[in-house]
Amino acid sequence: MKQKLQAISGELKTQFKILGSCVIVFWAVVIVNELLFGGRLNALGILPHHLIGLRGILFAPFLHGGFYHVAANTLPFIVLGWFVMLRNINDFYFVSFISALIGGLGTWLVGRPDSVHIGASGVIFGYFGYLLFRGYFERSFVAIAISVIVAMIYGGLVWGVLPTRAYISWEGHLFGFIGGIIAAKMLSESKNNRL
């Protein structure tokens, strides 16, 4: 029993370190960008339809439009990111990568050419899509329970995939969400193949 508690404690510490490190990077980039560069680093975000804009797929999740923007993304990133890594920490890395990639490519393909898309919200919407659909694809009690909990807590996020405000990247939200669904399908198939 003591070993099991130590293992759980060790896993929680690892999860906390991973999520905490990501949040520290988000905030550090915003502080440096705002104070030293006057927000100019945001030009490294996703610039749709321009080849140079593809670099934003890598940089956009770490760039935010100021302190309010990063603050709004911090709590959902921690909560949903933690739910993603509950079963396996590697799921967090996989879902983050797929959500950022598909979210970024989709935004690059359909976004307005005169816009720049930044922020971790595409990845957050990927976590949301993954957690909602993991229960559907896996059909296990735990996965369905987590899907229901996430739907109850963050169900209102679904409206973020619609073009409601000009200054919010609904494209990043929508394609990040789709990326999360694809990640859920891929991981459930991988899990089923191991059984």
C-alpha atoms as a PDB file:
ATOM      1  CA  MET A   1       0.000   0.000   0.000  1.00  0.00           C
ATOM      2  CA  LYS A   2       2.815   2.390   0.911  1.00  0.00           C
ATOM      3  CA  GLN A   3       4.556   1.713  -2.424  1.00  0.00           C
ATOM      4  CA  LYS A   4       1.337   2.385  -4.320  1.00  0.00           C
ATOM      5  CA  LEU A   5       0.874   5.719  -2.514  1.00  0.00           C
ATOM      6  CA  GLN A   6       4.494   6.641  -3.249  1.00  0.00           C
ATOM      7  CA  ALA A   7       3.974   5.776  -6.935  1.00  0.00           C
ATOM      8  CA  ILE A   8       0.821   7.940  -7.091  1.00  0.00           C
ATOM      9  CA  SER A   9       2.613  10.762  -5.286  1.00  0.00           C
ATOM     10  CA  GLY A  10       5.561  10.506  -7.696  1.00  0.00           C
ATOM     11  CA  GLU A  11       3.251  10.555 -10.696  1.00  0.00           C
ATOM     12  CA  LEU A  12       1.381  13.619  -9.383  1.00  0.00           C
ATOM     13  CA  LYS A  13       4.712  15.408  -8.878  1.00  0.00           C
ATOM     14  CA  THR A  14       5.735  14.584 -12.448  1.00  0.00           C
ATOM     15  CA  GLN A  15       2.404  15.811 -13.796  1.00  0.00           C
ATOM     16  CA  PHE A  16       2.712  19.007 -11.750  1.00  0.00           C
ATOM     17  CA  LYS A  17       6.257  19.591 -13.031  1.00  0.00           C
ATOM     18  CA  ILE A  18       5.229  19.128 -16.670  1.00  0.00           C
ATOM     19  CA  LEU A  19       2.185  21.393 -16.476  1.00  0.00           C
ATOM     20  CA  GLY A  20       4.000  23.914 -14.288  1.00  0.00           C
ATOM     21  CA  SER A  21       6.937  24.067 -16.696  1.00  0.00           C
ATOM     22  CA  CYS A  22       4.613  24.725 -19.641  1.00  0.00           C
ATOM     23  CA  VAL A  23       2.820  27.507 -17.756  1.00  0.00           C
ATOM     24  CA  ILE A  24       6.136  29.068 -16.704  1.00  0.00           C
ATOM     25  CA  VAL A  25       7.232  29.080 -20.364  1.00  0.00           C
ATOM     26  CA  PHE A  26       3.920  30.688 -21.455  1.00  0.00           C
ATOM     27  CA  TRP A  27       4.258  33.451 -18.861  1.00  0.00           C
ATOM     28  CA  ALA A  28       7.994  33.968 -19.422  1.00  0.00           C
ATOM     29  CA  VAL A  29       7.459  34.386 -23.168  1.00  0.00           C
ATOM     30  CA  VAL A  30       4.672  36.924 -22.572  1.00  0.00           C
ATOM     31  CA  ILE A  31       6.780  38.883 -20.086  1.00  0.00           C
ATOM     32  CA  VAL A  32       9.801  38.958 -22.400  1.00  0.00           C
ATOM     33  CA  ASN A  33       7.650  39.716 -25.446  1.00  0.00           C
ATOM     34  CA  GLU A  34       5.768  42.557 -23.757  1.00  0.00           C
ATOM     35  CA  LEU A  35       8.629  44.151 -21.831  1.00  0.00           C
ATOM     36  CA  LEU A  36      11.557  43.681 -24.205  1.00  0.00           C
ATOM     37  CA  PHE A  37       9.977  43.371 -27.654  1.00  0.00           C
ATOM     38  CA  GLY A  38       6.770  45.405 -27.323  1.00  0.00           C
ATOM     39  CA  GLY A  39       4.716  42.424 -28.526  1.00  0.00           C
ATOM     40  CA  ARG A  40       6.631  42.089 -31.807  1.00  0.00           C
ATOM     41  CA  LEU A  41       7.346  38.376 -31.264  1.00  0.00           C
ATOM     42  CA  ASN A  42       3.668  37.727 -31.997  1.00  0.00           C
ATOM     43  CA  ALA A  43       4.564  38.144 -35.675  1.00  0.00           C
ATOM     44  CA  LEU A  44       5.982  34.593 -35.348  1.00  0.00           C
ATOM     45  CA  GLY A  45       2.424  33.253 -35.031  1.00  0.00           C
ATOM     46  CA  ILE A  46       0.499  31.473 -37.779  1.00  0.00           C
ATOM     47  CA  LEU A  47       0.180  33.704 -40.842  1.00  0.00           C
ATOM     48  CA  PRO A  48      -2.391  31.954 -43.062  1.00  0.00           C
ATOM     49  CA  HIS A  49      -1.622  31.249 -46.739  1.00  0.00           C
ATOM     50  CA  HIS A  50       1.992  32.461 -46.484  1.00  0.00           C
ATOM     51  CA  LEU A  51       4.837  29.910 -46.445  1.00  0.00           C
ATOM     52  CA  ILE A  52       6.658  31.861 -43.728  1.00  0.00           C
ATOM     53  CA  GLY A  53       3.476  31.602 -41.656  1.00  0.00           C
ATOM     54  CA  LEU A  54       3.916  27.842 -41.292  1.00  0.00           C
ATOM     55  CA  ARG A  55       6.589  28.472 -38.640  1.00  0.00           C
ATOM     56  CA  GLY A  56       3.745  29.680 -36.454  1.00  0.00           C
ATOM     57  CA  ILE A  57       2.570  26.095 -36.020  1.00  0.00           C
ATOM     58  CA  LEU A  58       5.602  25.648 -33.762  1.00  0.00           C
ATOM     59  CA  PHE A  59       5.609  29.084 -32.085  1.00  0.00           C
ATOM     60  CA  ALA A  60       1.930  30.090 -31.828  1.00  0.00           C
ATOM     61  CA  PRO A  61       1.019  27.984 -28.750  1.00  0.00           C
ATOM     62  CA  PHE A  62       3.702  29.810 -26.737  1.00  0.00           C
ATOM     63  CA  LEU A  63       2.792  33.328 -27.881  1.00  0.00           C
ATOM     64  CA  HIS A  64      -0.064  35.315 -26.360  1.00  0.00           C
ATOM     65  CA  GLY A  65      -1.530  38.745 -26.958  1.00  0.00           C
ATOM     66  CA  GLY A  66      -0.657  40.057 -23.513  1.00  0.00           C
ATOM     67  CA  PHE A  67      -1.195  39.173 -19.879  1.00  0.00           C
ATOM     68  CA  TYR A  68      -4.988  38.874 -20.078  1.00  0.00           C
ATOM     69  CA  HIS A  69      -4.701  36.382 -22.945  1.00  0.00           C
ATOM     70  CA  VAL A  70      -2.178  34.122 -21.180  1.00  0.00           C
ATOM     71  CA  ALA A  71      -4.128  34.367 -17.902  1.00  0.00           C
ATOM     72  CA  ALA A  72      -7.323  33.261 -19.693  1.00  0.00           C
ATOM     73  CA  ASN A  73      -5.497  30.220 -21.116  1.00  0.00           C
ATOM     74  CA  THR A  74      -3.615  29.171 -17.964  1.00  0.00           C
ATOM     75  CA  LEU A  75      -6.346  27.513 -15.883  1.00  0.00           C
ATOM     76  CA  PRO A  76      -8.014  25.563 -18.744  1.00  0.00           C
ATOM     77  CA  PHE A  77      -4.561  24.431 -19.896  1.00  0.00           C
ATOM     78  CA  ILE A  78      -3.740  23.089 -16.430  1.00  0.00           C
ATOM     79  CA  VAL A  79      -7.126  21.435 -15.781  1.00  0.00           C
ATOM     80  CA  LEU A  80      -7.672  19.886 -19.214  1.00  0.00           C
ATOM     81  CA  GLY A  81      -3.979  19.038 -19.620  1.00  0.00           C
ATOM     82  CA  TRP A  82      -4.062  17.205 -16.299  1.00  0.00           C
ATOM     83  CA  PHE A  83      -7.155  15.230 -17.327  1.00  0.00           C
ATOM     84  CA  VAL A  84      -5.352  14.258 -20.554  1.00  0.00           C
ATOM     85  CA  MET A  85      -2.312  12.930 -18.672  1.00  0.00           C
ATOM     86  CA  LEU A  86      -4.284  11.087 -15.974  1.00  0.00           C
ATOM     87  CA  ARG A  87      -4.036   7.714 -17.681  1.00  0.00           C
ATOM     88  CA  ASN A  88      -0.613   8.142 -19.215  1.00  0.00           C
ATOM     89  CA  ILE A  89       1.728  11.125 -19.294  1.00  0.00           C
ATOM     90  CA  ASN A  90       2.720  10.252 -22.869  1.00  0.00           C
ATOM     91  CA  ASP A  91      -0.904  10.872 -23.914  1.00  0.00           C
ATOM     92  CA  PHE A  92      -0.369  14.520 -22.949  1.00  0.00           C
ATOM     93  CA  TYR A  93       2.595  14.867 -25.308  1.00  0.00           C
ATOM     94  CA  PHE A  94       0.830  13.061 -28.149  1.00  0.00           C
ATOM     95  CA  VAL A  95      -2.439  15.007 -27.838  1.00  0.00           C
ATOM     96  CA  SER A  96      -0.537  18.302 -27.523  1.00  0.00           C
ATOM     97  CA  PHE A  97       1.469  17.558 -30.676  1.00  0.00           C
ATOM     98  CA  ILE A  98      -1.489  16.378 -32.789  1.00  0.00           C
ATOM     99  CA  SER A  99      -3.691  19.280 -31.630  1.00  0.00           C
ATOM    100  CA  ALA A 100      -0.992  21.866 -32.363  1.00  0.00           C
ATOM    101  CA  LEU A 101      -0.173  20.321 -35.741  1.00  0.00           C
ATOM    102  CA  ILE A 102      -3.729  19.872 -37.035  1.00  0.00           C
ATOM    103  CA  GLY A 103      -4.906  23.082 -35.373  1.00  0.00           C
ATOM    104  CA  GLY A 104      -2.019  25.004 -36.912  1.00  0.00           C
ATOM    105  CA  LEU A 105      -2.333  23.518 -40.393  1.00  0.00           C
ATOM    106  CA  GLY A 106      -6.102  24.018 -40.446  1.00  0.00           C
ATOM    107  CA  THR A 107      -5.704  27.620 -39.322  1.00  0.00           C
ATOM    108  CA  TRP A 108      -3.014  28.209 -41.929  1.00  0.00           C
ATOM    109  CA  LEU A 109      -5.264  26.791 -44.666  1.00  0.00           C
ATOM    110  CA  VAL A 110      -8.545  28.584 -43.877  1.00  0.00           C
ATOM    111  CA  GLY A 111      -7.581  31.660 -41.835  1.00  0.00           C
ATOM    112  CA  ARG A 112      -7.743  35.161 -43.266  1.00  0.00           C
ATOM    113  CA  PRO A 113      -4.470  35.982 -45.080  1.00  0.00           C
ATOM    114  CA  ASP A 114      -4.172  39.315 -43.246  1.00  0.00           C
ATOM    115  CA  SER A 115      -4.374  37.755 -39.766  1.00  0.00           C
ATOM    116  CA  VAL A 116      -1.831  36.334 -37.301  1.00  0.00           C
ATOM    117  CA  HIS A 117      -2.978  33.543 -34.963  1.00  0.00           C
ATOM    118  CA  ILE A 118      -1.367  33.042 -31.568  1.00  0.00           C
ATOM    119  CA  GLY A 119      -2.094  31.395 -28.221  1.00  0.00           C
ATOM    120  CA  ALA A 120      -2.387  28.018 -26.542  1.00  0.00           C
ATOM    121  CA  SER A 121      -6.149  27.890 -27.022  1.00  0.00           C
ATOM    122  CA  GLY A 122      -5.883  25.654 -30.107  1.00  0.00           C
ATOM    123  CA  VAL A 123      -4.087  23.064 -27.985  1.00  0.00           C
ATOM    124  CA  ILE A 124      -6.593  23.591 -25.153  1.00  0.00           C
ATOM    125  CA  PHE A 125      -9.451  22.943 -27.565  1.00  0.00           C
ATOM    126  CA  GLY A 126      -7.521  19.845 -28.664  1.00  0.00           C
ATOM    127  CA  TYR A 127      -7.526  18.615 -25.061  1.00  0.00           C
ATOM    128  CA  PHE A 128     -11.244  19.372 -24.890  1.00  0.00           C
ATOM    129  CA  GLY A 129     -11.988  17.411 -28.085  1.00  0.00           C
ATOM    130  CA  TYR A 130      -9.768  14.538 -26.963  1.00  0.00           C
ATOM    131  CA  LEU A 131     -11.411  14.266 -23.547  1.00  0.00           C
ATOM    132  CA  LEU A 132     -14.964  14.495 -24.913  1.00  0.00           C
ATOM    133  CA  PHE A 133     -14.402  11.843 -27.580  1.00  0.00           C
ATOM    134  CA  ARG A 134     -12.061   9.511 -25.710  1.00  0.00           C
ATOM    135  CA  GLY A 135     -15.094   8.084 -23.886  1.00  0.00           C
ATOM    136  CA  TYR A 136     -16.869   7.528 -27.197  1.00  0.00           C
ATOM    137  CA  PHE A 137     -13.929   5.739 -28.830  1.00  0.00           C
ATOM    138  CA  GLU A 138     -12.742   3.711 -25.831  1.00  0.00           C
ATOM    139  CA  ARG A 139     -16.106   2.931 -24.251  1.00  0.00           C
ATOM    140  CA  SER A 140     -14.523   2.318 -20.868  1.00  0.00           C
ATOM    141  CA  PHE A 141     -16.191   3.475 -17.665  1.00  0.00           C
ATOM    142  CA  VAL A 142     -13.303   5.762 -16.666  1.00  0.00           C
ATOM    143  CA  ALA A 143     -13.022   7.379 -20.113  1.00  0.00           C
ATOM    144  CA  ILE A 144     -16.795   7.970 -20.286  1.00  0.00           C
ATOM    145  CA  ALA A 145     -16.819   9.386 -16.736  1.00  0.00           C
ATOM    146  CA  ILE A 146     -14.032  11.827 -17.616  1.00  0.00           C
ATOM    147  CA  SER A 147     -15.882  12.817 -20.813  1.00  0.00           C
ATOM    148  CA  VAL A 148     -19.011  13.586 -18.778  1.00  0.00           C
ATOM    149  CA  ILE A 149     -17.062  15.557 -16.137  1.00  0.00           C
ATOM    150  CA  VAL A 150     -15.279  17.608 -18.805  1.00  0.00           C
ATOM    151  CA  ALA A 151     -18.568  18.255 -20.638  1.00  0.00           C
ATOM    152  CA  MET A 152     -20.135  19.497 -17.393  1.00  0.00           C
ATOM    153  CA  ILE A 153     -17.203  21.754 -16.451  1.00  0.00           C
ATOM    154  CA  TYR A 154     -16.115  23.031 -19.867  1.00  0.00           C
ATOM    155  CA  GLY A 155     -19.082  22.271 -22.151  1.00  0.00           C
ATOM    156  CA  GLY A 156     -19.473  25.968 -22.976  1.00  0.00           C
ATOM    157  CA  LEU A 157     -16.114  25.872 -24.779  1.00  0.00           C
ATOM    158  CA  VAL A 158     -17.832  24.271 -27.745  1.00  0.00           C
ATOM    159  CA  TRP A 159     -19.137  27.710 -28.764  1.00  0.00           C
ATOM    160  CA  GLY A 160     -15.530  28.835 -29.243  1.00  0.00           C
ATOM    161  CA  VAL A 161     -15.313  26.913 -32.514  1.00  0.00           C
ATOM    162  CA  LEU A 162     -17.781  29.331 -34.095  1.00  0.00           C
ATOM    163  CA  PRO A 163     -16.778  32.691 -35.631  1.00  0.00           C
ATOM    164  CA  THR A 164     -18.323  34.877 -32.929  1.00  0.00           C
ATOM    165  CA  ARG A 165     -15.609  37.558 -32.479  1.00  0.00           C
ATOM    166  CA  ALA A 166     -13.209  38.915 -35.080  1.00  0.00           C
ATOM    167  CA  TYR A 167     -10.237  39.018 -32.683  1.00  0.00           C
ATOM    168  CA  ILE A 168     -10.591  35.374 -31.544  1.00  0.00           C
ATOM    169  CA  SER A 169      -9.112  32.607 -33.689  1.00  0.00           C
ATOM    170  CA  TRP A 170     -12.119  30.370 -34.087  1.00  0.00           C
ATOM    171  CA  GLU A 171     -10.105  28.580 -36.785  1.00  0.00           C
ATOM    172  CA  GLY A 172      -7.459  27.589 -34.233  1.00  0.00           C
ATOM    173  CA  HIS A 173     -10.178  26.484 -31.821  1.00  0.00           C
ATOM    174  CA  LEU A 174     -12.040  24.451 -34.434  1.00  0.00           C
ATOM    175  CA  PHE A 175      -9.026  22.687 -35.920  1.00  0.00           C
ATOM    176  CA  GLY A 176      -7.432  22.159 -32.502  1.00  0.00           C
ATOM    177  CA  PHE A 177     -10.702  20.527 -31.414  1.00  0.00           C
ATOM    178  CA  ILE A 178     -10.645  18.319 -34.529  1.00  0.00           C
ATOM    179  CA  GLY A 179      -7.001  17.465 -33.787  1.00  0.00           C
ATOM    180  CA  GLY A 180      -8.020  16.346 -30.299  1.00  0.00           C
ATOM    181  CA  ILE A 181     -10.742  14.105 -31.718  1.00  0.00           C
ATOM    182  CA  ILE A 182      -8.244  12.562 -34.144  1.00  0.00           C
ATOM    183  CA  ALA A 183      -5.789  12.013 -31.261  1.00  0.00           C
ATOM    184  CA  ALA A 184      -8.555  10.287 -29.249  1.00  0.00           C
ATOM    185  CA  LYS A 185      -9.294   7.976 -32.176  1.00  0.00           C
ATOM    186  CA  MET A 186      -5.614   7.191 -32.750  1.00  0.00           C
ATOM    187  CA  LEU A 187      -4.862   6.486 -29.080  1.00  0.00           C
ATOM    188  CA  SER A 188      -7.971   4.333 -28.639  1.00  0.00           C
ATOM    189  CA  GLU A 189      -7.002   2.272 -31.692  1.00  0.00           C
ATOM    190  CA  SER A 190      -3.470   1.940 -30.344  1.00  0.00           C
ATOM    191  CA  LYS A 191      -4.821   0.823 -26.958  1.00  0.00           C
ATOM    192  CA  ASN A 192      -7.190  -1.691 -28.575  1.00  0.00           C
ATOM    193  CA  ASN A 193      -4.353  -3.131 -30.695  1.00  0.00           C
ATOM    194  CA  ARG A 194      -2.287  -3.749 -27.552  1.00  0.00           C
ATOM    195  CA  LEU A 195      -5.096  -5.751 -25.939  1.00  0.00           C
END
